[in-house]
Amino acid sequence: MGDRPGPDAPSQDSQHEPHDPYSRRPGYVTGVDGRTDTWTTASVAGIVTGGAVLFVSGLLRTPTPLAYAAAVVIGAVVWFGVRARRRAADRREGRSPDAVARARSQAIADANGGRRFFVAQNPVVVIVMGGVFLAVAVVQLVARGLSAGSVVVAVLLAASAVYFVAQGTGTLVVRRRERSRGTDAGRH
C-alpha cells in the first residue's frame, strides 16, 4: 500500500503508449481537419507578435533596421517564453514535451518507407524550383547591388534553393534504388 503513486504522478500506461501524431494536443495548432499541426501555438504567437511589432514600427516611422531587429527579438522572446511555459505544463502533467514532434517525425518516416524527408511526386519539378530560387537570388543581388538587405535575401533564397534541390535529388536517388531493388528481386 505504501508504494502506490500519488494522484498527480504520471500513469504507467501513458508513458509506454505511443503518442498519436494527429490527435488534439494542448499547445499545438489544430488544423481545419481537426488534426494537430506541426506548428506550436508558441511559434505562431512569436511570428504574429513579430509581425505586429513591424506594423507598429511602421506607424511610428522607426528606422527599418531597428524595426526588423526589434520584431525578431520581441517575436523570439514571446515564442520561447510561451514554449517554456507549455513544456513546463507538459512536464507537470506527466507528458513528454517532445512527444508530438517525435510521433509526427515517426509518422512521416512510416509513410515514406523510413525516410524522414518528403518524397516529391515529381522530383524534377522540385529541382527546377530550386534552380529558379537560385536564379532569383543571383538576379536580385545583381540588380539591387551589394547591401545588407540584398545579401540576406540572397542567402535565404539560396538556402531555399539548396533545400529544394536536395529534396528532389534525394527523391531521385530513392526511386532509383527502389527500381534497382525491384529489378534485382525480379531476376531471382
C-alpha atoms as a PDB file:
ATOM      1  CA  MET A   1       0.000   0.000   0.000  1.00  0.00           C
ATOM      2  CA  GLY A   2       2.845   2.388   0.753  1.00  0.00           C
ATOM      3  CA  ASP A   3       4.350   2.252  -2.744  1.00  0.00           C
ATOM      4  CA  ARG A   4       1.312   3.467  -4.710  1.00  0.00           C
ATOM      5  CA  PRO A   5       1.904   6.540  -6.884  1.00  0.00           C
ATOM      6  CA  GLY A   6       0.141   9.742  -5.878  1.00  0.00           C
ATOM      7  CA  PRO A   7      -2.782  11.205  -7.842  1.00  0.00           C
ATOM      8  CA  ASP A   8      -0.568  13.641  -9.736  1.00  0.00           C
ATOM      9  CA  ALA A   9       2.067  11.031 -10.687  1.00  0.00           C
ATOM     10  CA  PRO A  10       2.155  10.089 -14.384  1.00  0.00           C
ATOM     11  CA  SER A  11       0.407   6.848 -15.187  1.00  0.00           C
ATOM     12  CA  GLN A  12       2.483   3.897 -16.372  1.00  0.00           C
ATOM     13  CA  ASP A  13       0.255   3.400 -19.414  1.00  0.00           C
ATOM     14  CA  SER A  14       0.667   6.946 -20.717  1.00  0.00           C
ATOM     15  CA  GLN A  15       4.453   6.649 -20.650  1.00  0.00           C
ATOM     16  CA  HIS A  16       4.554   3.486 -22.759  1.00  0.00           C
ATOM     17  CA  GLU A  17       1.801   4.177 -25.281  1.00  0.00           C
ATOM     18  CA  PRO A  18       2.972   5.876 -28.468  1.00  0.00           C
ATOM     19  CA  HIS A  19       1.516   9.322 -28.977  1.00  0.00           C
ATOM     20  CA  ASP A  20      -0.942   9.638 -31.841  1.00  0.00           C
ATOM     21  CA  PRO A  21       0.719  12.254 -34.080  1.00  0.00           C
ATOM     22  CA  TYR A  22      -2.613  13.624 -35.262  1.00  0.00           C
ATOM     23  CA  SER A  23      -4.593  13.688 -32.020  1.00  0.00           C
ATOM     24  CA  ARG A  24      -5.548  17.002 -30.484  1.00  0.00           C
ATOM     25  CA  ARG A  25      -2.893  18.224 -28.098  1.00  0.00           C
ATOM     26  CA  PRO A  26      -2.914  21.367 -25.952  1.00  0.00           C
ATOM     27  CA  GLY A  27      -0.344  23.889 -27.049  1.00  0.00           C
ATOM     28  CA  TYR A  28      -0.411  22.903 -30.719  1.00  0.00           C
ATOM     29  CA  VAL A  29      -2.323  24.445 -33.579  1.00  0.00           C
ATOM     30  CA  THR A  30      -5.219  22.289 -34.737  1.00  0.00           C
ATOM     31  CA  GLY A  31      -5.920  22.326 -38.445  1.00  0.00           C
ATOM     32  CA  VAL A  32      -9.329  22.603 -40.103  1.00  0.00           C
ATOM     33  CA  ASP A  33      -9.413  18.818 -40.379  1.00  0.00           C
ATOM     34  CA  GLY A  34      -9.121  18.524 -36.575  1.00  0.00           C
ATOM     35  CA  ARG A  35      -5.582  17.118 -36.652  1.00  0.00           C
ATOM     36  CA  THR A  36      -2.703  18.507 -34.647  1.00  0.00           C
ATOM     37  CA  ASP A  37      -0.386  20.575 -36.779  1.00  0.00           C
ATOM     38  CA  THR A  38       3.404  20.643 -36.509  1.00  0.00           C
ATOM     39  CA  TRP A  39       3.293  24.327 -35.619  1.00  0.00           C
ATOM     40  CA  THR A  40       3.051  25.042 -31.930  1.00  0.00           C
ATOM     41  CA  THR A  41       0.912  27.882 -30.655  1.00  0.00           C
ATOM     42  CA  ALA A  42       4.146  29.344 -29.230  1.00  0.00           C
ATOM     43  CA  SER A  43       5.701  29.655 -32.685  1.00  0.00           C
ATOM     44  CA  VAL A  44       2.523  31.152 -34.118  1.00  0.00           C
ATOM     45  CA  ALA A  45       2.364  33.624 -31.217  1.00  0.00           C
ATOM     46  CA  GLY A  46       6.002  34.624 -31.801  1.00  0.00           C
ATOM     47  CA  ILE A  47       5.519  35.134 -35.535  1.00  0.00           C
ATOM     48  CA  VAL A  48       2.300  37.119 -35.075  1.00  0.00           C
ATOM     49  CA  THR A  49       3.956  39.251 -32.387  1.00  0.00           C
ATOM     50  CA  GLY A  50       6.903  39.935 -34.686  1.00  0.00           C
ATOM     51  CA  GLY A  51       4.501  40.982 -37.447  1.00  0.00           C
ATOM     52  CA  ALA A  52       2.610  43.237 -35.046  1.00  0.00           C
ATOM     53  CA  VAL A  53       5.859  44.864 -33.907  1.00  0.00           C
ATOM     54  CA  LEU A  54       6.766  45.542 -37.554  1.00  0.00           C
ATOM     55  CA  PHE A  55       3.338  47.074 -38.165  1.00  0.00           C
ATOM     56  CA  VAL A  56       3.546  49.335 -35.117  1.00  0.00           C
ATOM     57  CA  SER A  57       7.133  50.269 -36.011  1.00  0.00           C
ATOM     58  CA  GLY A  58       5.910  51.325 -39.451  1.00  0.00           C
ATOM     59  CA  LEU A  59       3.231  53.511 -37.888  1.00  0.00           C
ATOM     60  CA  LEU A  60       5.840  55.103 -35.638  1.00  0.00           C
ATOM     61  CA  ARG A  61       8.246  55.518 -38.601  1.00  0.00           C
ATOM     62  CA  THR A  62      11.001  53.622 -36.825  1.00  0.00           C
ATOM     63  CA  PRO A  63      14.138  53.134 -38.938  1.00  0.00           C
ATOM     64  CA  THR A  64      13.898  49.863 -40.887  1.00  0.00           C
ATOM     65  CA  PRO A  65      16.955  48.076 -39.406  1.00  0.00           C
ATOM     66  CA  LEU A  66      15.797  48.900 -35.875  1.00  0.00           C
ATOM     67  CA  ALA A  67      12.221  47.813 -36.620  1.00  0.00           C
ATOM     68  CA  TYR A  68      13.298  44.427 -38.014  1.00  0.00           C
ATOM     69  CA  ALA A  69      15.715  43.839 -35.137  1.00  0.00           C
ATOM     70  CA  ALA A  70      13.006  44.675 -32.592  1.00  0.00           C
ATOM     71  CA  ALA A  71      10.490  42.429 -34.363  1.00  0.00           C
ATOM     72  CA  VAL A  72      12.896  39.480 -34.373  1.00  0.00           C
ATOM     73  CA  VAL A  73      13.919  39.943 -30.730  1.00  0.00           C
ATOM     74  CA  ILE A  74      10.409  40.504 -29.365  1.00  0.00           C
ATOM     75  CA  GLY A  75       8.954  37.706 -31.504  1.00  0.00           C
ATOM     76  CA  ALA A  76      11.681  35.310 -30.303  1.00  0.00           C
ATOM     77  CA  VAL A  77      11.104  36.284 -26.666  1.00  0.00           C
ATOM     78  CA  VAL A  78       7.371  35.604 -27.000  1.00  0.00           C
ATOM     79  CA  TRP A  79       7.986  32.359 -28.901  1.00  0.00           C
ATOM     80  CA  PHE A  80      10.441  30.944 -26.374  1.00  0.00           C
ATOM     81  CA  GLY A  81       8.518  32.271 -23.363  1.00  0.00           C
ATOM     82  CA  VAL A  82       5.251  30.618 -24.408  1.00  0.00           C
ATOM     83  CA  ARG A  83       7.167  27.464 -25.408  1.00  0.00           C
ATOM     84  CA  ALA A  84       8.869  27.249 -21.988  1.00  0.00           C
ATOM     85  CA  ARG A  85       5.506  27.587 -20.209  1.00  0.00           C
ATOM     86  CA  ARG A  86       3.957  24.859 -22.398  1.00  0.00           C
ATOM     87  CA  ARG A  87       6.877  22.482 -21.841  1.00  0.00           C
ATOM     88  CA  ALA A  88       6.732  23.072 -18.080  1.00  0.00           C
ATOM     89  CA  ALA A  89       2.985  22.357 -18.110  1.00  0.00           C
ATOM     90  CA  ASP A  90       3.596  19.148 -20.101  1.00  0.00           C
ATOM     91  CA  ARG A  91       6.168  18.001 -17.550  1.00  0.00           C
ATOM     92  CA  ARG A  92       3.802  18.787 -14.647  1.00  0.00           C
ATOM     93  CA  GLU A  93       1.080  16.709 -16.319  1.00  0.00           C
ATOM     94  CA  GLY A  94       3.479  13.795 -16.869  1.00  0.00           C
ATOM     95  CA  ARG A  95       3.768  14.136 -20.653  1.00  0.00           C
ATOM     96  CA  SER A  96       6.922  14.340 -22.674  1.00  0.00           C
ATOM     97  CA  PRO A  97       7.205  17.850 -24.183  1.00  0.00           C
ATOM     98  CA  ASP A  98       8.658  16.331 -27.357  1.00  0.00           C
ATOM     99  CA  ALA A  99       6.055  13.574 -27.802  1.00  0.00           C
ATOM    100  CA  VAL A 100       4.219  15.322 -30.649  1.00  0.00           C
ATOM    101  CA  ALA A 101       7.396  16.123 -32.593  1.00  0.00           C
ATOM    102  CA  ARG A 102       8.757  12.584 -32.186  1.00  0.00           C
ATOM    103  CA  ALA A 103       5.435  10.963 -33.104  1.00  0.00           C
ATOM    104  CA  ARG A 104       4.993  13.229 -36.140  1.00  0.00           C
ATOM    105  CA  SER A 105       8.542  12.515 -37.305  1.00  0.00           C
ATOM    106  CA  GLN A 106       7.944   8.776 -36.895  1.00  0.00           C
ATOM    107  CA  ALA A 107       4.620   9.007 -38.771  1.00  0.00           C
ATOM    108  CA  ILE A 108       6.373  10.782 -41.664  1.00  0.00           C
ATOM    109  CA  ALA A 109       9.091   8.122 -41.700  1.00  0.00           C
ATOM    110  CA  ASP A 110       6.493   5.323 -41.637  1.00  0.00           C
ATOM    111  CA  ALA A 111       4.556   6.895 -44.502  1.00  0.00           C
ATOM    112  CA  ASN A 112       7.746   7.407 -46.563  1.00  0.00           C
ATOM    113  CA  GLY A 113       9.250   3.974 -46.103  1.00  0.00           C
ATOM    114  CA  GLY A 114      11.657   5.021 -43.356  1.00  0.00           C
ATOM    115  CA  ARG A 115      12.700   8.346 -44.916  1.00  0.00           C
ATOM    116  CA  ARG A 116      12.244  11.461 -42.801  1.00  0.00           C
ATOM    117  CA  PHE A 117      12.384  13.905 -45.732  1.00  0.00           C
ATOM    118  CA  PHE A 118       9.440  14.457 -48.025  1.00  0.00           C
ATOM    119  CA  VAL A 119       9.233  12.427 -51.206  1.00  0.00           C
ATOM    120  CA  ALA A 120       8.295  14.660 -54.118  1.00  0.00           C
ATOM    121  CA  GLN A 121       5.656  13.467 -56.567  1.00  0.00           C
ATOM    122  CA  ASN A 122       7.736  14.885 -59.402  1.00  0.00           C
ATOM    123  CA  PRO A 123      11.340  15.415 -58.267  1.00  0.00           C
ATOM    124  CA  VAL A 124      12.316  17.193 -61.483  1.00  0.00           C
ATOM    125  CA  VAL A 125       9.817  19.967 -60.726  1.00  0.00           C
ATOM    126  CA  VAL A 126      11.276  20.352 -57.234  1.00  0.00           C
ATOM    127  CA  ILE A 127      14.812  20.549 -58.642  1.00  0.00           C
ATOM    128  CA  VAL A 128      13.696  23.138 -61.232  1.00  0.00           C
ATOM    129  CA  MET A 129      12.064  25.140 -58.409  1.00  0.00           C
ATOM    130  CA  GLY A 130      15.420  25.116 -56.622  1.00  0.00           C
ATOM    131  CA  GLY A 131      17.086  26.370 -59.790  1.00  0.00           C
ATOM    132  CA  VAL A 132      14.527  29.178 -60.077  1.00  0.00           C
ATOM    133  CA  PHE A 133      15.131  30.205 -56.451  1.00  0.00           C
ATOM    134  CA  LEU A 134      18.877  30.289 -57.087  1.00  0.00           C
ATOM    135  CA  ALA A 135      18.428  32.331 -60.275  1.00  0.00           C
ATOM    136  CA  VAL A 136      16.180  34.829 -58.482  1.00  0.00           C
ATOM    137  CA  ALA A 137      18.782  35.104 -55.693  1.00  0.00           C
ATOM    138  CA  VAL A 138      21.550  35.948 -58.160  1.00  0.00           C
ATOM    139  CA  VAL A 139      19.395  38.332 -60.247  1.00  0.00           C
ATOM    140  CA  GLN A 140      18.140  40.301 -57.257  1.00  0.00           C
ATOM    141  CA  LEU A 141      21.655  40.503 -55.805  1.00  0.00           C
ATOM    142  CA  VAL A 142      22.987  41.902 -59.085  1.00  0.00           C
ATOM    143  CA  ALA A 143      20.007  44.249 -59.562  1.00  0.00           C
ATOM    144  CA  ARG A 144      19.970  45.674 -56.035  1.00  0.00           C
ATOM    145  CA  GLY A 145      23.705  45.814 -55.552  1.00  0.00           C
ATOM    146  CA  LEU A 146      25.704  44.648 -52.591  1.00  0.00           C
ATOM    147  CA  SER A 147      23.872  45.740 -49.443  1.00  0.00           C
ATOM    148  CA  ALA A 148      22.993  44.031 -46.180  1.00  0.00           C
ATOM    149  CA  GLY A 149      19.343  43.548 -47.187  1.00  0.00           C
ATOM    150  CA  SER A 150      20.100  42.124 -50.605  1.00  0.00           C
ATOM    151  CA  VAL A 151      22.689  39.734 -49.179  1.00  0.00           C
ATOM    152  CA  VAL A 152      20.225  38.463 -46.551  1.00  0.00           C
ATOM    153  CA  VAL A 153      17.543  37.935 -49.204  1.00  0.00           C
ATOM    154  CA  ALA A 154      20.056  36.212 -51.486  1.00  0.00           C
ATOM    155  CA  VAL A 155      21.182  33.898 -48.674  1.00  0.00           C
ATOM    156  CA  LEU A 156      17.582  32.984 -47.810  1.00  0.00           C
ATOM    157  CA  LEU A 157      16.743  32.307 -51.451  1.00  0.00           C
ATOM    158  CA  ALA A 158      19.927  30.270 -51.923  1.00  0.00           C
ATOM    159  CA  ALA A 159      19.150  28.223 -48.788  1.00  0.00           C
ATOM    160  CA  SER A 160      15.664  27.532 -50.159  1.00  0.00           C
ATOM    161  CA  ALA A 161      17.207  26.532 -53.487  1.00  0.00           C
ATOM    162  CA  VAL A 162      19.598  24.112 -51.800  1.00  0.00           C
ATOM    163  CA  TYR A 163      16.712  22.636 -49.797  1.00  0.00           C
ATOM    164  CA  PHE A 164      14.577  22.004 -52.884  1.00  0.00           C
ATOM    165  CA  VAL A 165      17.460  20.631 -54.942  1.00  0.00           C
ATOM    166  CA  ALA A 166      18.475  18.306 -52.084  1.00  0.00           C
ATOM    167  CA  GLN A 167      14.894  17.042 -51.651  1.00  0.00           C
ATOM    168  CA  GLY A 168      14.444  16.476 -55.373  1.00  0.00           C
ATOM    169  CA  THR A 169      17.799  14.751 -55.713  1.00  0.00           C
ATOM    170  CA  GLY A 170      17.064  12.619 -52.643  1.00  0.00           C
ATOM    171  CA  THR A 171      13.768  11.525 -54.181  1.00  0.00           C
ATOM    172  CA  LEU A 172      15.512  10.613 -57.454  1.00  0.00           C
ATOM    173  CA  VAL A 173      18.119   8.555 -55.580  1.00  0.00           C
ATOM    174  CA  VAL A 174      15.442   6.775 -53.526  1.00  0.00           C
ATOM    175  CA  ARG A 175      13.396   5.957 -56.613  1.00  0.00           C
ATOM    176  CA  ARG A 176      16.479   4.707 -58.464  1.00  0.00           C
ATOM    177  CA  ARG A 177      17.288   2.423 -55.503  1.00  0.00           C
ATOM    178  CA  GLU A 178      13.706   1.157 -55.368  1.00  0.00           C
ATOM    179  CA  ARG A 179      13.777   0.418 -59.111  1.00  0.00           C
ATOM    180  CA  SER A 180      17.096  -1.396 -58.844  1.00  0.00           C
ATOM    181  CA  ARG A 181      15.778  -3.465 -55.920  1.00  0.00           C
ATOM    182  CA  GLY A 182      12.686  -4.279 -57.956  1.00  0.00           C
ATOM    183  CA  THR A 183      14.697  -5.484 -60.932  1.00  0.00           C
ATOM    184  CA  ASP A 184      17.053  -7.449 -58.675  1.00  0.00           C
ATOM    185  CA  ALA A 185      14.075  -9.122 -56.988  1.00  0.00           C
ATOM    186  CA  GLY A 186      12.562  -9.890 -60.424  1.00  0.00           C
ATOM    187  CA  ARG A 187      15.727 -11.670 -61.534  1.00  0.00           C
ATOM    188  CA  HIS A 188      15.762 -14.036 -58.540  1.00  0.00           C
END
